[in-house]
Amino acid sequence: MVTVLDTTLNRPRPRHPEKAHRPDQEVLRKPEWIRVKAPVSKGYLETREIVKSNKLVTVCEEAGCPNIGECWDKKHATFMIMGEICTRACAFCNVATGIPMPLDAQEPASVGRAVAQMGLNHVVITSVDRDDLADGGAQHFAEVIHAIRAAAPGTTIEILTPDFLRKKGALEIVVAARPDVFNHNLETVPSNYLTVRPGARYFHSIRLLQQVKELDPTIFTKSGIMVGLGEERNEVLQLMDDLRSADVDFITIGQYLAPSKKHHAVKKFVTPEEFKSFETVAYSKGFLMVASSPLTRSSHHAGDDFARLKAARAAKLAAA
């Protein structure tokens, strides 16, 4: 359990006070295929310094991503905008829950500057949920996109957004800024939503992705799920069909790893063979791109995947 100090009480305060009352969950021993080395490379340290010097937050750190060593060594990072405090308390997530700080008006420029300093060909921008804001942070997303375009015009932009639930007009603001990839994760199958993602609504998320294509068919759409949360295989296959009905181009499937004993328990470690089977089925259902492996995460290899995604669309159009 990661803690931060509450100086007003002069005692450790849990990162996730809303989960403190939960009983400890059983921890399954990790199989060999899910283990990664601790990050120590020169590239990792250089990326960390750029992030810190620009006072930026990354989901790589906040979510405890197992791929941080590999990605940061290659100067890849996923920037998390609008602060590090989320207004929701999903059972799987390691981002802290609470009352967020006001938006930082300088953040878009800082993100643009960092992208230029790192020389990124492709950047991923995500955020916490900001249910406290009238537009859910949509305008801030747009301003970050515009700032990156100005500072690094050659960089392609992928955004991983919250669901903008009950935020009328928010999606239109983000789509009008024309990101290259619009990603919104379903996270899990609908039967798990009440326990895993209680603040969200499965079919709202499906509709959100569908509306992106209705507003701008040129934007690639993407969504991801975790497995090992207690879902059944047929539920994953139905989820694939739901995404294809919304014309989603790219699906990612990765193994869920519990951040602590207070988070939702890992019910199963899915084997590499099962992940390969999911990949085969997903391609048969018409996805342009599929990333399915134990260590797959939404933004893992995002730059390389974007190049493959464009090539897949071009091939499909040529064959039509």
Protein backbone atom coordinates (compact mmCIF):
# COMPACT_ATOMS: atom_id res chain seq x y z
CA MET A 1 0.00 0.00 0.00
CA VAL A 2 1.44 3.36 -1.05
CA THR A 3 0.80 6.14 1.46
CA VAL A 4 1.00 9.93 1.50
CA LEU A 5 1.44 12.00 4.63
CA ASP A 6 -1.45 14.05 5.97
CA THR A 7 0.43 16.83 7.76
CA THR A 8 -2.70 18.09 9.51
CA LEU A 9 -2.92 14.89 11.51
CA ASN A 10 0.80 14.06 11.49
CA ARG A 11 0.14 10.39 10.74
CA PRO A 12 0.13 8.21 7.62
CA ARG A 13 -3.04 8.49 5.56
CA PRO A 14 -3.92 5.65 3.20
CA ARG A 15 -3.81 6.38 -0.52
CA HIS A 16 -7.25 4.82 -0.85
CA PRO A 17 -9.25 5.66 2.30
CA GLU A 18 -12.46 4.59 0.57
CA LYS A 19 -11.06 1.04 0.38
CA ALA A 20 -9.64 0.90 3.92
CA HIS A 21 -12.71 -0.85 5.32
CA ARG A 22 -12.52 -3.65 2.76
CA PRO A 23 -11.19 -7.03 3.90
CA ASP A 24 -7.81 -8.10 2.52
CA GLN A 25 -8.16 -10.08 -0.68
CA GLU A 26 -6.32 -13.31 -1.38
CA VAL A 27 -3.15 -12.70 -3.40
CA LEU A 28 -2.39 -15.28 -6.08
CA ARG A 29 1.23 -16.06 -6.83
CA LYS A 30 2.28 -14.46 -10.12
CA PRO A 31 3.29 -16.87 -12.88
CA GLU A 32 6.62 -16.40 -14.65
CA TRP A 33 5.05 -14.84 -17.72
CA ILE A 34 3.82 -11.80 -15.77
CA ARG A 35 7.09 -10.88 -14.05
CA VAL A 36 9.10 -7.80 -15.11
CA LYS A 37 12.45 -6.32 -14.09
CA ALA A 38 12.77 -3.18 -11.96
CA PRO A 39 13.49 -0.03 -14.05
CA VAL A 40 17.11 1.16 -13.77
CA SER A 41 18.21 2.17 -17.30
CA LYS A 42 19.68 5.51 -18.37
CA GLY A 43 16.72 6.16 -20.68
CA TYR A 44 14.29 5.53 -17.83
CA LEU A 45 16.09 8.02 -15.59
CA GLU A 46 16.19 10.66 -18.35
CA THR A 47 12.47 10.32 -18.99
CA ARG A 48 11.75 10.57 -15.27
CA GLU A 49 13.75 13.81 -15.10
CA ILE A 50 11.83 15.37 -18.02
CA VAL A 51 8.53 14.44 -16.37
CA LYS A 52 9.57 15.84 -13.00
CA SER A 53 11.14 19.04 -14.38
CA ASN A 54 7.87 19.88 -16.15
CA LYS A 55 5.86 18.99 -13.00
CA LEU A 56 3.77 16.48 -14.93
CA VAL A 57 1.85 13.42 -13.79
CA THR A 58 2.05 10.13 -15.69
CA VAL A 59 -0.36 7.23 -15.53
CA CYS A 60 2.74 5.04 -15.78
CA GLU A 61 3.57 5.97 -12.17
CA GLU A 62 0.11 6.58 -10.75
CA ALA A 63 -1.31 3.28 -11.97
CA GLY A 64 1.83 1.29 -11.15
CA CYS A 65 2.19 0.07 -14.75
CA PRO A 66 4.46 -3.00 -15.05
CA ASN A 67 5.81 -1.72 -18.39
CA ILE A 68 7.21 1.58 -17.05
CA GLY A 69 10.85 0.45 -17.31
CA GLU A 70 10.53 -0.60 -20.95
CA CYS A 71 8.47 2.41 -22.06
CA TRP A 72 10.45 5.10 -20.25
CA ASP A 73 13.72 3.63 -21.52
CA LYS A 74 12.38 4.25 -25.03
CA LYS A 75 11.21 7.79 -24.11
CA HIS A 76 7.55 6.71 -24.20
CA ALA A 77 5.22 8.04 -21.51
CA THR A 78 1.50 8.48 -21.00
CA PHE A 79 0.74 11.87 -19.50
CA MET A 80 -2.14 12.10 -17.04
CA ILE A 81 -3.72 15.55 -17.07
CA MET A 82 -6.05 17.39 -14.68
CA GLY A 83 -4.27 16.29 -11.52
CA GLU A 84 -3.65 13.03 -9.72
CA ILE A 85 -6.89 12.86 -7.68
CA CYS A 86 -9.88 11.08 -9.23
CA THR A 87 -13.53 11.69 -8.35
CA ARG A 88 -14.34 7.98 -8.71
CA ALA A 89 -13.24 4.91 -6.78
CA CYS A 90 -13.02 1.98 -9.19
CA ALA A 91 -12.15 -1.26 -7.41
CA PHE A 92 -9.23 -2.05 -9.74
CA CYS A 93 -7.52 1.34 -9.91
CA ASN A 94 -4.43 2.60 -8.08
CA VAL A 95 -5.10 6.31 -8.74
CA ALA A 96 -6.02 8.13 -5.52
CA THR A 97 -9.66 9.12 -4.94
CA GLY A 98 -10.76 12.39 -3.37
CA ILE A 99 -11.51 16.06 -4.06
CA PRO A 100 -9.32 17.26 -6.96
CA MET A 101 -7.44 20.54 -7.11
CA PRO A 102 -8.49 23.25 -9.58
CA LEU A 103 -7.21 22.82 -13.12
CA ASP A 104 -3.70 24.10 -13.86
CA ALA A 105 -3.95 26.62 -16.69
CA GLN A 106 -0.25 26.10 -17.46
CA GLU A 107 -0.56 22.33 -17.86
CA PRO A 108 -1.31 22.26 -21.62
CA ALA A 109 1.85 24.27 -22.34
CA SER A 110 3.88 22.06 -19.99
CA VAL A 111 2.68 18.91 -21.73
CA GLY A 112 3.46 20.37 -25.15
CA ARG A 113 6.95 21.35 -23.99
CA ALA A 114 7.66 17.88 -22.58
CA VAL A 115 6.47 16.18 -25.78
CA ALA A 116 8.83 18.38 -27.80
CA GLN A 117 11.75 17.77 -25.41
CA MET A 118 11.28 14.01 -25.61
CA GLY A 119 11.02 14.10 -29.41
CA LEU A 120 7.95 11.90 -29.41
CA ASN A 121 6.49 10.65 -32.67
CA HIS A 122 3.33 9.59 -30.86
CA VAL A 123 1.99 10.64 -27.46
CA VAL A 124 -0.79 9.32 -25.25
CA ILE A 125 -2.77 11.70 -23.04
CA THR A 126 -5.12 10.39 -20.37
CA SER A 127 -6.77 11.86 -17.29
CA VAL A 128 -8.48 11.17 -14.02
CA ASP A 129 -12.27 11.36 -13.93
CA ARG A 130 -13.33 14.94 -13.17
CA ASP A 131 -17.03 14.62 -12.37
CA ASP A 132 -16.67 17.91 -10.44
CA LEU A 133 -16.22 19.89 -13.69
CA ALA A 134 -19.19 21.00 -15.79
CA ASP A 135 -17.66 19.52 -18.96
CA GLY A 136 -15.74 16.70 -17.27
CA GLY A 137 -12.50 18.31 -18.42
CA ALA A 138 -13.31 18.20 -22.14
CA GLN A 139 -12.06 21.73 -22.84
CA HIS A 140 -8.82 21.00 -20.98
CA PHE A 141 -8.29 17.92 -23.18
CA ALA A 142 -8.81 20.11 -26.25
CA GLU A 143 -6.32 22.71 -24.99
CA VAL A 144 -3.69 20.03 -24.37
CA ILE A 145 -4.18 18.69 -27.90
CA HIS A 146 -3.81 22.21 -29.36
CA ALA A 147 -0.67 22.85 -27.27
CA ILE A 148 0.97 19.65 -28.50
CA ARG A 149 0.13 20.51 -32.10
CA ALA A 150 1.80 23.89 -31.61
CA ALA A 151 4.93 22.62 -29.83
CA ALA A 152 5.40 19.36 -31.75
CA PRO A 153 3.43 19.49 -35.01
CA GLY A 154 4.83 16.17 -36.22
CA THR A 155 3.61 14.23 -33.19
CA THR A 156 0.48 12.13 -33.52
CA ILE A 157 -1.88 12.28 -30.53
CA GLU A 158 -3.80 9.51 -28.82
CA ILE A 159 -6.18 10.36 -26.00
CA LEU A 160 -7.56 7.99 -23.38
CA THR A 161 -10.59 9.74 -21.94
CA PRO A 162 -13.06 9.25 -19.10
CA ASP A 163 -16.67 8.58 -20.07
CA PHE A 164 -17.99 12.17 -19.71
CA LEU A 165 -21.08 10.67 -18.09
CA ARG A 166 -23.91 13.25 -17.91
CA LYS A 167 -21.66 15.94 -19.45
CA LYS A 168 -23.70 17.16 -22.40
CA GLY A 169 -21.62 18.51 -25.27
CA ALA A 170 -18.30 17.37 -23.76
CA LEU A 171 -17.53 14.72 -26.36
CA GLU A 172 -18.10 17.16 -29.20
CA ILE A 173 -15.47 19.52 -27.74
CA VAL A 174 -12.83 16.78 -27.62
CA VAL A 175 -13.59 15.37 -31.06
CA ALA A 176 -13.46 18.87 -32.60
CA ALA A 177 -9.80 19.09 -31.45
CA ARG A 178 -9.15 16.12 -33.77
CA PRO A 179 -6.93 13.68 -31.91
CA ASP A 180 -5.54 10.93 -34.13
CA VAL A 181 -6.80 8.15 -31.82
CA PHE A 182 -9.72 8.32 -29.40
CA ASN A 183 -9.41 5.65 -26.71
CA HIS A 184 -11.95 4.96 -24.00
CA ASN A 185 -11.60 1.75 -22.02
CA LEU A 186 -14.51 -0.49 -21.11
CA GLU A 187 -12.15 -2.08 -18.52
CA THR A 188 -14.27 -5.21 -17.96
CA VAL A 189 -17.42 -7.08 -19.00
CA PRO A 190 -20.83 -5.63 -18.02
CA SER A 191 -21.56 -8.21 -15.30
CA ASN A 192 -18.57 -6.86 -13.33
CA TYR A 193 -19.51 -3.17 -13.49
CA LEU A 194 -21.31 -2.91 -10.13
CA THR A 195 -18.31 -4.27 -8.26
CA VAL A 196 -15.38 -3.22 -10.46
CA ARG A 197 -16.47 0.06 -12.10
CA PRO A 198 -19.53 1.22 -10.13
CA GLY A 199 -19.44 4.86 -11.24
CA ALA A 200 -19.63 3.98 -14.93
CA ARG A 201 -22.27 2.58 -17.28
CA TYR A 202 -21.26 -0.07 -19.82
CA PHE A 203 -23.63 0.88 -22.64
CA HIS A 204 -22.90 4.58 -22.17
CA SER A 205 -19.25 3.80 -22.85
CA ILE A 206 -20.17 1.79 -25.95
CA ARG A 207 -22.32 4.68 -27.18
CA LEU A 208 -19.53 7.19 -26.50
CA LEU A 209 -17.18 5.29 -28.80
CA GLN A 210 -19.88 4.98 -31.45
CA GLN A 211 -20.53 8.74 -31.35
CA VAL A 212 -16.86 9.51 -32.00
CA LYS A 213 -17.13 7.79 -35.37
CA GLU A 214 -20.44 9.52 -36.09
CA LEU A 215 -18.86 12.91 -35.40
CA ASP A 216 -15.59 12.26 -37.27
CA PRO A 217 -15.15 8.94 -39.13
CA THR A 218 -11.44 9.68 -39.76
CA ILE A 219 -10.52 9.35 -36.06
CA PHE A 220 -9.37 5.89 -35.04
CA THR A 221 -11.24 4.49 -32.03
CA LYS A 222 -9.83 2.14 -29.46
CA SER A 223 -10.90 0.41 -26.24
CA GLY A 224 -9.34 -1.96 -23.76
CA ILE A 225 -10.27 -4.48 -21.10
CA MET A 226 -8.56 -6.38 -18.32
CA VAL A 227 -9.11 -10.10 -17.83
CA GLY A 228 -8.70 -12.11 -14.66
CA LEU A 229 -11.46 -10.21 -12.84
CA GLY A 230 -13.86 -13.15 -12.80
CA GLU A 231 -15.32 -12.79 -16.29
CA GLU A 232 -16.38 -15.73 -18.47
CA ARG A 233 -14.92 -16.26 -21.94
CA ASN A 234 -18.28 -15.88 -23.65
CA GLU A 235 -18.69 -12.47 -21.95
CA VAL A 236 -15.41 -11.29 -23.48
CA LEU A 237 -16.53 -12.46 -26.91
CA GLN A 238 -19.85 -10.61 -26.52
CA LEU A 239 -17.95 -7.47 -25.48
CA MET A 240 -15.95 -7.74 -28.72
CA ASP A 241 -19.23 -7.84 -30.66
CA ASP A 242 -20.49 -4.78 -28.78
CA LEU A 243 -17.34 -2.85 -29.70
CA ARG A 244 -17.57 -3.86 -33.33
CA SER A 245 -21.20 -2.73 -33.41
CA ALA A 246 -19.82 0.69 -32.44
CA ASP A 247 -17.23 0.44 -35.27
CA VAL A 248 -14.27 0.42 -32.87
CA ASP A 249 -10.99 -0.18 -34.72
CA PHE A 250 -8.62 -1.41 -32.02
CA ILE A 251 -9.03 -3.57 -28.91
CA THR A 252 -6.45 -4.19 -26.19
CA ILE A 253 -6.69 -7.09 -23.73
CA GLY A 254 -4.35 -7.43 -20.75
CA GLN A 255 -4.03 -9.20 -17.42
CA TYR A 256 -5.47 -7.45 -14.37
CA LEU A 257 -2.96 -7.00 -11.54
CA ALA A 258 -4.26 -5.90 -8.13
CA PRO A 259 -2.44 -2.80 -6.79
CA SER A 260 -3.01 -3.90 -3.16
CA LYS A 261 -4.87 -6.40 -1.00
CA LYS A 262 -7.69 -3.84 -0.64
CA HIS A 263 -8.38 -3.72 -4.38
CA HIS A 264 -10.45 -6.18 -6.37
CA ALA A 265 -8.81 -9.60 -6.21
CA VAL A 266 -7.15 -11.27 -9.17
CA LYS A 267 -9.45 -14.22 -9.82
CA LYS A 268 -7.25 -15.85 -12.43
CA PHE A 269 -3.98 -15.44 -14.31
CA VAL A 270 -4.92 -15.90 -17.94
CA THR A 271 -2.35 -17.90 -19.90
CA PRO A 272 -0.49 -16.58 -22.95
CA GLU A 273 -2.28 -19.22 -25.01
CA GLU A 274 -5.67 -17.86 -23.95
CA PHE A 275 -4.58 -14.34 -24.85
CA LYS A 276 -3.52 -15.57 -28.29
CA SER A 277 -6.95 -17.15 -28.71
CA PHE A 278 -8.63 -13.83 -27.87
CA GLU A 279 -6.44 -12.14 -30.48
CA THR A 280 -7.42 -14.64 -33.17
CA VAL A 281 -11.13 -14.28 -32.42
CA ALA A 282 -10.94 -10.47 -32.31
CA TYR A 283 -9.33 -10.29 -35.74
CA SER A 284 -12.01 -12.63 -37.09
CA LYS A 285 -14.65 -10.18 -35.83
CA GLY A 286 -13.18 -7.36 -37.91
CA PHE A 287 -10.94 -5.28 -35.64
CA LEU A 288 -8.18 -3.53 -37.57
CA MET A 289 -5.76 -3.98 -34.65
CA VAL A 290 -5.63 -6.29 -31.65
CA ALA A 291 -3.13 -6.29 -28.78
CA SER A 292 -3.69 -9.24 -26.46
CA SER A 293 -1.09 -10.48 -24.01
CA PRO A 294 -0.54 -10.65 -20.22
CA LEU A 295 1.39 -7.36 -20.15
CA THR A 296 -0.70 -5.49 -22.74
CA ARG A 297 -1.81 -2.07 -21.49
CA SER A 298 -3.78 0.64 -23.30
CA SER A 299 -0.76 2.73 -24.22
CA HIS A 300 1.91 0.01 -24.40
CA HIS A 301 3.67 0.22 -27.80
CA ALA A 302 1.10 2.86 -28.77
CA GLY A 303 3.35 4.52 -31.34
CA ASP A 304 4.20 1.31 -33.18
CA ASP A 305 0.57 0.20 -32.95
CA PHE A 306 -0.62 3.47 -34.48
CA ALA A 307 1.60 2.93 -37.52
CA ARG A 308 0.19 -0.59 -37.90
CA LEU A 309 -3.34 0.73 -37.43
CA LYS A 310 -2.93 3.22 -40.28
CA ALA A 311 -1.47 0.52 -42.52
CA ALA A 312 -4.37 -1.82 -41.71
CA ARG A 313 -6.95 0.84 -42.61
CA ALA A 314 -5.14 1.62 -45.86
CA ALA A 315 -5.07 -2.07 -46.78
CA LYS A 316 -8.76 -2.44 -46.00
CA LEU A 317 -9.69 0.58 -48.13
CA ALA A 318 -7.51 -0.66 -50.98
CA ALA A 319 -9.24 -4.03 -50.90
CA ALA A 320 -12.75 -2.53 -50.85
